[in-house]
Amino acid sequence: MGYRIAVLGERDIVAGFAALGLDVYPVDQPQQAVESFRRITREETGVEIIYVTETFASALAEEIDRFRNSASPAIILIPGRGGSLGIGRDALKSAVERAVGADIL
C-alpha cells in the first residue's frame, strides 16, 4: 500500500487537490479543522503528508506541535484563501535551522 496525502483547508482551496488523487478535508470553522486533523492523524489512516492552509494554522498549532519532531506525518502549511500569511515560510525556515544548525534560507 502506498502512502496517502491529505489537504485540509477552505473548500475552494482544497477542491482542486482532489483531481490529483489527494484526500481532501474541506472545513469552514477552526473547530472543524481540529476535528478533521485529529481524524487524519490517526495511525490507521496511512496519511504521510498533510497540507494545511495557513488560515487554520493557529487553530491547529497544538495539534501540529505534536508532530513537530516526527518524520510522519509531514505537515506543510500552504497559503489559504487570503493568500500567504508567512506562517508556512517561517515554519520551513525554523525546520531548516533545526536540521542544519544554521539559517541558510
N, C-alpha and C. Protein backbone atom coordinates (compact mmCIF):
# COMPACT_ATOMS: atom_id res chain seq x y z
N MET A 1 0.83 -1.17 0.00
CA MET A 1 0.00 0.00 0.00
C MET A 1 0.88 1.24 0.00
N GLY A 2 0.59 2.19 -0.86
CA GLY A 2 1.35 3.43 -0.93
C GLY A 2 0.93 4.40 0.14
N TYR A 3 1.69 5.45 0.26
CA TYR A 3 1.34 6.45 1.26
C TYR A 3 0.26 7.38 0.70
N ARG A 4 -0.42 8.05 1.61
CA ARG A 4 -1.50 8.95 1.23
C ARG A 4 -1.14 10.38 1.61
N ILE A 5 -1.71 11.31 0.86
CA ILE A 5 -1.51 12.73 1.11
C ILE A 5 -2.87 13.36 1.34
N ALA A 6 -2.97 14.18 2.38
CA ALA A 6 -4.22 14.86 2.71
C ALA A 6 -4.03 16.37 2.59
N VAL A 7 -5.13 17.04 2.25
CA VAL A 7 -5.14 18.50 2.18
C VAL A 7 -6.33 18.98 3.00
N LEU A 8 -6.06 19.84 3.98
CA LEU A 8 -7.10 20.34 4.88
C LEU A 8 -7.15 21.87 4.77
N GLY A 9 -8.35 22.39 4.53
CA GLY A 9 -8.48 23.84 4.44
C GLY A 9 -9.81 24.25 3.84
N GLU A 10 -9.89 25.49 3.42
CA GLU A 10 -11.11 26.01 2.84
C GLU A 10 -11.51 25.22 1.59
N ARG A 11 -12.81 25.03 1.44
CA ARG A 11 -13.37 24.22 0.36
C ARG A 11 -12.82 24.62 -1.01
N ASP A 12 -12.82 25.91 -1.32
CA ASP A 12 -12.38 26.34 -2.64
C ASP A 12 -10.88 26.15 -2.86
N ILE A 13 -10.12 26.07 -1.81
CA ILE A 13 -8.67 25.84 -1.93
C ILE A 13 -8.38 24.34 -2.11
N VAL A 14 -9.02 23.49 -1.33
CA VAL A 14 -8.68 22.06 -1.35
C VAL A 14 -9.35 21.30 -2.49
N ALA A 15 -10.39 21.83 -3.07
CA ALA A 15 -11.15 21.11 -4.10
C ALA A 15 -10.28 20.66 -5.27
N GLY A 16 -9.41 21.50 -5.72
CA GLY A 16 -8.56 21.15 -6.86
C GLY A 16 -7.61 20.00 -6.59
N PHE A 17 -7.24 19.81 -5.34
CA PHE A 17 -6.32 18.72 -4.99
C PHE A 17 -6.97 17.35 -5.14
N ALA A 18 -8.28 17.29 -5.09
CA ALA A 18 -8.98 16.01 -5.25
C ALA A 18 -8.74 15.45 -6.65
N ALA A 19 -8.65 16.32 -7.64
CA ALA A 19 -8.39 15.88 -9.01
C ALA A 19 -7.02 15.23 -9.15
N LEU A 20 -6.13 15.54 -8.23
CA LEU A 20 -4.80 14.94 -8.24
C LEU A 20 -4.74 13.63 -7.47
N GLY A 21 -5.87 13.22 -6.90
CA GLY A 21 -5.93 11.98 -6.15
C GLY A 21 -5.59 12.11 -4.68
N LEU A 22 -5.49 13.33 -4.19
CA LEU A 22 -5.21 13.55 -2.77
C LEU A 22 -6.51 13.50 -1.98
N ASP A 23 -6.42 13.14 -0.72
CA ASP A 23 -7.58 13.14 0.17
C ASP A 23 -7.82 14.57 0.62
N VAL A 24 -9.01 15.09 0.39
CA VAL A 24 -9.29 16.47 0.77
C VAL A 24 -10.26 16.52 1.94
N TYR A 25 -10.01 17.49 2.81
CA TYR A 25 -10.81 17.70 4.00
C TYR A 25 -11.22 19.18 4.04
N PRO A 26 -12.32 19.51 3.38
CA PRO A 26 -12.76 20.91 3.39
C PRO A 26 -13.38 21.26 4.74
N VAL A 27 -12.98 22.40 5.28
CA VAL A 27 -13.51 22.87 6.56
C VAL A 27 -13.83 24.36 6.46
N ASP A 28 -14.77 24.79 7.29
CA ASP A 28 -15.16 26.20 7.31
C ASP A 28 -14.82 26.88 8.62
N GLN A 29 -14.71 26.11 9.68
CA GLN A 29 -14.51 26.66 11.02
C GLN A 29 -13.28 26.03 11.66
N PRO A 30 -12.62 26.77 12.56
CA PRO A 30 -11.45 26.23 13.25
C PRO A 30 -11.71 24.90 13.97
N GLN A 31 -12.86 24.76 14.63
CA GLN A 31 -13.15 23.52 15.34
C GLN A 31 -13.27 22.34 14.37
N GLN A 32 -13.84 22.59 13.19
CA GLN A 32 -13.91 21.54 12.17
C GLN A 32 -12.50 21.14 11.75
N ALA A 33 -11.61 22.12 11.63
CA ALA A 33 -10.23 21.84 11.25
C ALA A 33 -9.55 20.94 12.27
N VAL A 34 -9.77 21.24 13.56
CA VAL A 34 -9.18 20.43 14.63
C VAL A 34 -9.71 19.00 14.57
N GLU A 35 -11.00 18.85 14.42
CA GLU A 35 -11.60 17.51 14.36
C GLU A 35 -11.10 16.74 13.15
N SER A 36 -11.04 17.38 12.00
CA SER A 36 -10.55 16.71 10.79
C SER A 36 -9.08 16.34 10.93
N PHE A 37 -8.28 17.24 11.48
CA PHE A 37 -6.85 16.97 11.67
C PHE A 37 -6.65 15.75 12.55
N ARG A 38 -7.42 15.67 13.63
CA ARG A 38 -7.31 14.51 14.52
C ARG A 38 -7.69 13.22 13.81
N ARG A 39 -8.72 13.29 12.96
CA ARG A 39 -9.11 12.11 12.17
C ARG A 39 -8.00 11.70 11.22
N ILE A 40 -7.40 12.68 10.56
CA ILE A 40 -6.34 12.40 9.59
C ILE A 40 -5.13 11.78 10.26
N THR A 41 -4.79 12.23 11.45
CA THR A 41 -3.54 11.79 12.08
C THR A 41 -3.64 10.50 12.87
N ARG A 42 -4.79 9.88 12.85
CA ARG A 42 -4.87 8.55 13.47
C ARG A 42 -3.97 7.61 12.69
N GLU A 43 -3.28 6.74 13.39
CA GLU A 43 -2.31 5.84 12.76
C GLU A 43 -2.87 5.04 11.60
N GLU A 44 -4.08 4.58 11.72
CA GLU A 44 -4.61 3.66 10.71
C GLU A 44 -4.98 4.34 9.39
N THR A 45 -4.92 5.66 9.32
CA THR A 45 -5.28 6.33 8.06
C THR A 45 -4.20 6.19 7.00
N GLY A 46 -2.95 6.02 7.40
CA GLY A 46 -1.87 5.88 6.43
C GLY A 46 -1.46 7.18 5.76
N VAL A 47 -1.89 8.31 6.27
CA VAL A 47 -1.53 9.60 5.69
C VAL A 47 -0.11 9.95 6.13
N GLU A 48 0.75 10.21 5.15
CA GLU A 48 2.15 10.52 5.42
C GLU A 48 2.45 12.01 5.30
N ILE A 49 1.66 12.72 4.50
CA ILE A 49 1.86 14.15 4.29
C ILE A 49 0.51 14.85 4.44
N ILE A 50 0.51 15.94 5.19
CA ILE A 50 -0.72 16.73 5.36
C ILE A 50 -0.42 18.17 4.98
N TYR A 51 -1.11 18.67 3.98
CA TYR A 51 -1.05 20.08 3.63
C TYR A 51 -2.20 20.77 4.37
N VAL A 52 -1.90 21.85 5.06
CA VAL A 52 -2.89 22.60 5.82
C VAL A 52 -2.82 24.06 5.38
N THR A 53 -3.97 24.66 5.09
CA THR A 53 -3.94 26.07 4.73
C THR A 53 -3.60 26.91 5.96
N GLU A 54 -2.85 27.97 5.73
CA GLU A 54 -2.42 28.84 6.83
C GLU A 54 -3.60 29.43 7.60
N THR A 55 -4.74 29.51 6.95
CA THR A 55 -5.94 30.05 7.59
C THR A 55 -6.24 29.35 8.91
N PHE A 56 -5.98 28.03 8.96
CA PHE A 56 -6.30 27.26 10.15
C PHE A 56 -5.06 26.89 10.97
N ALA A 57 -3.91 27.44 10.64
CA ALA A 57 -2.67 27.10 11.34
C ALA A 57 -2.72 27.45 12.81
N SER A 58 -3.26 28.61 13.15
CA SER A 58 -3.28 28.98 14.57
C SER A 58 -4.22 28.09 15.37
N ALA A 59 -5.36 27.71 14.78
CA ALA A 59 -6.29 26.82 15.47
C ALA A 59 -5.69 25.43 15.65
N LEU A 60 -4.76 25.07 14.78
CA LEU A 60 -4.16 23.74 14.82
C LEU A 60 -2.77 23.72 15.44
N ALA A 61 -2.34 24.84 15.99
CA ALA A 61 -0.97 24.95 16.50
C ALA A 61 -0.60 23.83 17.47
N GLU A 62 -1.46 23.56 18.44
CA GLU A 62 -1.18 22.49 19.41
C GLU A 62 -1.11 21.13 18.73
N GLU A 63 -2.04 20.88 17.83
CA GLU A 63 -2.06 19.59 17.12
C GLU A 63 -0.82 19.43 16.26
N ILE A 64 -0.44 20.47 15.55
CA ILE A 64 0.73 20.42 14.68
C ILE A 64 2.00 20.22 15.52
N ASP A 65 2.08 20.89 16.65
CA ASP A 65 3.25 20.76 17.53
C ASP A 65 3.50 19.32 17.97
N ARG A 66 2.44 18.54 18.10
CA ARG A 66 2.60 17.14 18.49
C ARG A 66 3.46 16.36 17.49
N PHE A 67 3.51 16.83 16.25
CA PHE A 67 4.23 16.12 15.20
C PHE A 67 5.49 16.86 14.75
N ARG A 68 5.84 17.93 15.44
CA ARG A 68 6.96 18.78 15.03
C ARG A 68 8.27 18.00 14.85
N ASN A 69 8.51 17.03 15.72
CA ASN A 69 9.76 16.27 15.66
C ASN A 69 9.58 14.87 15.09
N SER A 70 8.44 14.63 14.48
CA SER A 70 8.16 13.32 13.88
C SER A 70 8.41 13.36 12.38
N ALA A 71 8.88 12.25 11.87
CA ALA A 71 9.08 12.17 10.42
C ALA A 71 7.75 12.04 9.69
N SER A 72 6.77 11.46 10.37
CA SER A 72 5.48 11.22 9.72
C SER A 72 4.36 11.47 10.70
N PRO A 73 3.34 12.14 10.31
CA PRO A 73 3.16 12.75 9.00
C PRO A 73 3.92 14.08 8.91
N ALA A 74 4.37 14.38 7.71
CA ALA A 74 4.96 15.69 7.45
C ALA A 74 3.80 16.66 7.29
N ILE A 75 3.87 17.78 7.97
CA ILE A 75 2.80 18.77 7.92
C ILE A 75 3.35 20.02 7.26
N ILE A 76 2.72 20.40 6.16
CA ILE A 76 3.20 21.51 5.36
C ILE A 76 2.09 22.55 5.25
N LEU A 77 2.41 23.78 5.64
CA LEU A 77 1.44 24.86 5.56
C LEU A 77 1.47 25.49 4.18
N ILE A 78 0.29 25.71 3.61
CA ILE A 78 0.16 26.33 2.30
C ILE A 78 -0.74 27.56 2.43
N PRO A 79 -0.62 28.51 1.50
CA PRO A 79 -1.48 29.70 1.57
C PRO A 79 -2.96 29.33 1.51
N GLY A 80 -3.75 30.08 2.23
CA GLY A 80 -5.19 29.89 2.23
C GLY A 80 -5.87 30.88 1.32
N ARG A 81 -7.15 31.06 1.50
CA ARG A 81 -7.96 31.95 0.67
C ARG A 81 -7.43 33.38 0.67
N GLY A 82 -6.93 33.84 1.79
CA GLY A 82 -6.43 35.21 1.90
C GLY A 82 -5.00 35.39 1.42
N GLY A 83 -4.41 34.37 0.82
CA GLY A 83 -3.01 34.45 0.39
C GLY A 83 -2.09 34.02 1.51
N SER A 84 -0.81 34.15 1.26
CA SER A 84 0.18 33.72 2.24
C SER A 84 0.23 34.67 3.43
N LEU A 85 0.28 34.08 4.61
CA LEU A 85 0.43 34.85 5.85
C LEU A 85 1.88 34.79 6.35
N GLY A 86 2.73 34.06 5.62
CA GLY A 86 4.13 33.91 6.00
C GLY A 86 4.38 32.84 7.04
N ILE A 87 3.31 32.20 7.52
CA ILE A 87 3.45 31.18 8.56
C ILE A 87 4.18 29.96 8.03
N GLY A 88 3.84 29.53 6.83
CA GLY A 88 4.48 28.37 6.22
C GLY A 88 5.96 28.61 5.99
N ARG A 89 6.29 29.80 5.49
CA ARG A 89 7.69 30.16 5.25
C ARG A 89 8.48 30.15 6.56
N ASP A 90 7.89 30.73 7.61
CA ASP A 90 8.56 30.77 8.91
C ASP A 90 8.76 29.37 9.47
N ALA A 91 7.76 28.50 9.30
CA ALA A 91 7.88 27.12 9.79
C ALA A 91 8.97 26.37 9.04
N LEU A 92 9.05 26.58 7.72
CA LEU A 92 10.08 25.93 6.92
C LEU A 92 11.46 26.42 7.34
N LYS A 93 11.59 27.73 7.55
CA LYS A 93 12.86 28.30 7.97
C LYS A 93 13.31 27.70 9.30
N SER A 94 12.39 27.59 10.23
CA SER A 94 12.70 27.01 11.54
C SER A 94 13.13 25.55 11.42
N ALA A 95 12.43 24.80 10.59
CA ALA A 95 12.77 23.38 10.41
C ALA A 95 14.15 23.23 9.79
N VAL A 96 14.48 24.07 8.83
CA VAL A 96 15.79 24.00 8.19
C VAL A 96 16.87 24.37 9.20
N GLU A 97 16.63 25.38 10.01
CA GLU A 97 17.61 25.76 11.03
C GLU A 97 17.87 24.62 12.01
N ARG A 98 16.79 23.93 12.42
CA ARG A 98 16.96 22.78 13.33
C ARG A 98 17.75 21.66 12.65
N ALA A 99 17.48 21.45 11.38
CA ALA A 99 18.12 20.33 10.67
C ALA A 99 19.59 20.57 10.39
N VAL A 100 19.95 21.78 9.98
CA VAL A 100 21.34 22.04 9.60
C VAL A 100 22.12 22.88 10.60
N GLY A 101 21.42 23.43 11.58
CA GLY A 101 22.09 24.20 12.62
C GLY A 101 22.39 25.63 12.26
N ALA A 102 21.88 26.11 11.13
CA ALA A 102 22.12 27.49 10.73
C ALA A 102 20.99 27.98 9.82
N ASP A 103 20.85 29.28 9.74
CA ASP A 103 19.84 29.88 8.85
C ASP A 103 20.43 29.97 7.45
N ILE A 104 20.00 29.09 6.56
CA ILE A 104 20.52 29.11 5.19
C ILE A 104 19.47 29.63 4.21
N LEU A 105 18.29 29.94 4.71
CA LEU A 105 17.25 30.49 3.85
C LEU A 105 17.31 31.98 3.96
